[in-house]
Amino acid sequence: MPHSSDSSDSSSYSQSSSSSKQESSDDMRKVQRREKNRIAAQKSRQKQTQKADTLHMESQDLERQNAALRREIKQLSDELKHFSAMLTSHETHCSILHTQPPAPSEVLFTPLPFPQAHISAPCFQL
């Protein structure tokens, strides 16, 4: 009988050995999968941070452009007010605006028709 018990011991050892090998293989796959996932998550976070940094820089640039355009609008508005005031001031003193325009007969020159005798139709040789 001792012989049969030895054979059962060796078969249980081979079963436990194969199951531990499978567990070890499963554990290795889990470790590899976790490592791969950790690297992918790290890359994703890095990419997200880069995108946020890029958007922040673009936002700052647009804010600077906006401020420059607002300054230009203010300057042009001030200029418009200045020139409008000058025009209003000038209109009260302008002698040209208060006189009647000359009649067409009083014009100093009369337009002459442009002579086009020197222009001829193009000639094409065949």
Foldseek 3Di string as FASTA:
>chain_A
DVVVVVVVVVVVVVVVVVVVVVVVVVVVVVVVVVVVVVVVVVVVVVVVVVVVVVVVVVVVVVVVVVVVVVVVVVVVVVVVVVVVVVVVVVVVVDPVVVDDDDDPVPDPDDDDDDDDPVDDDDDDDD
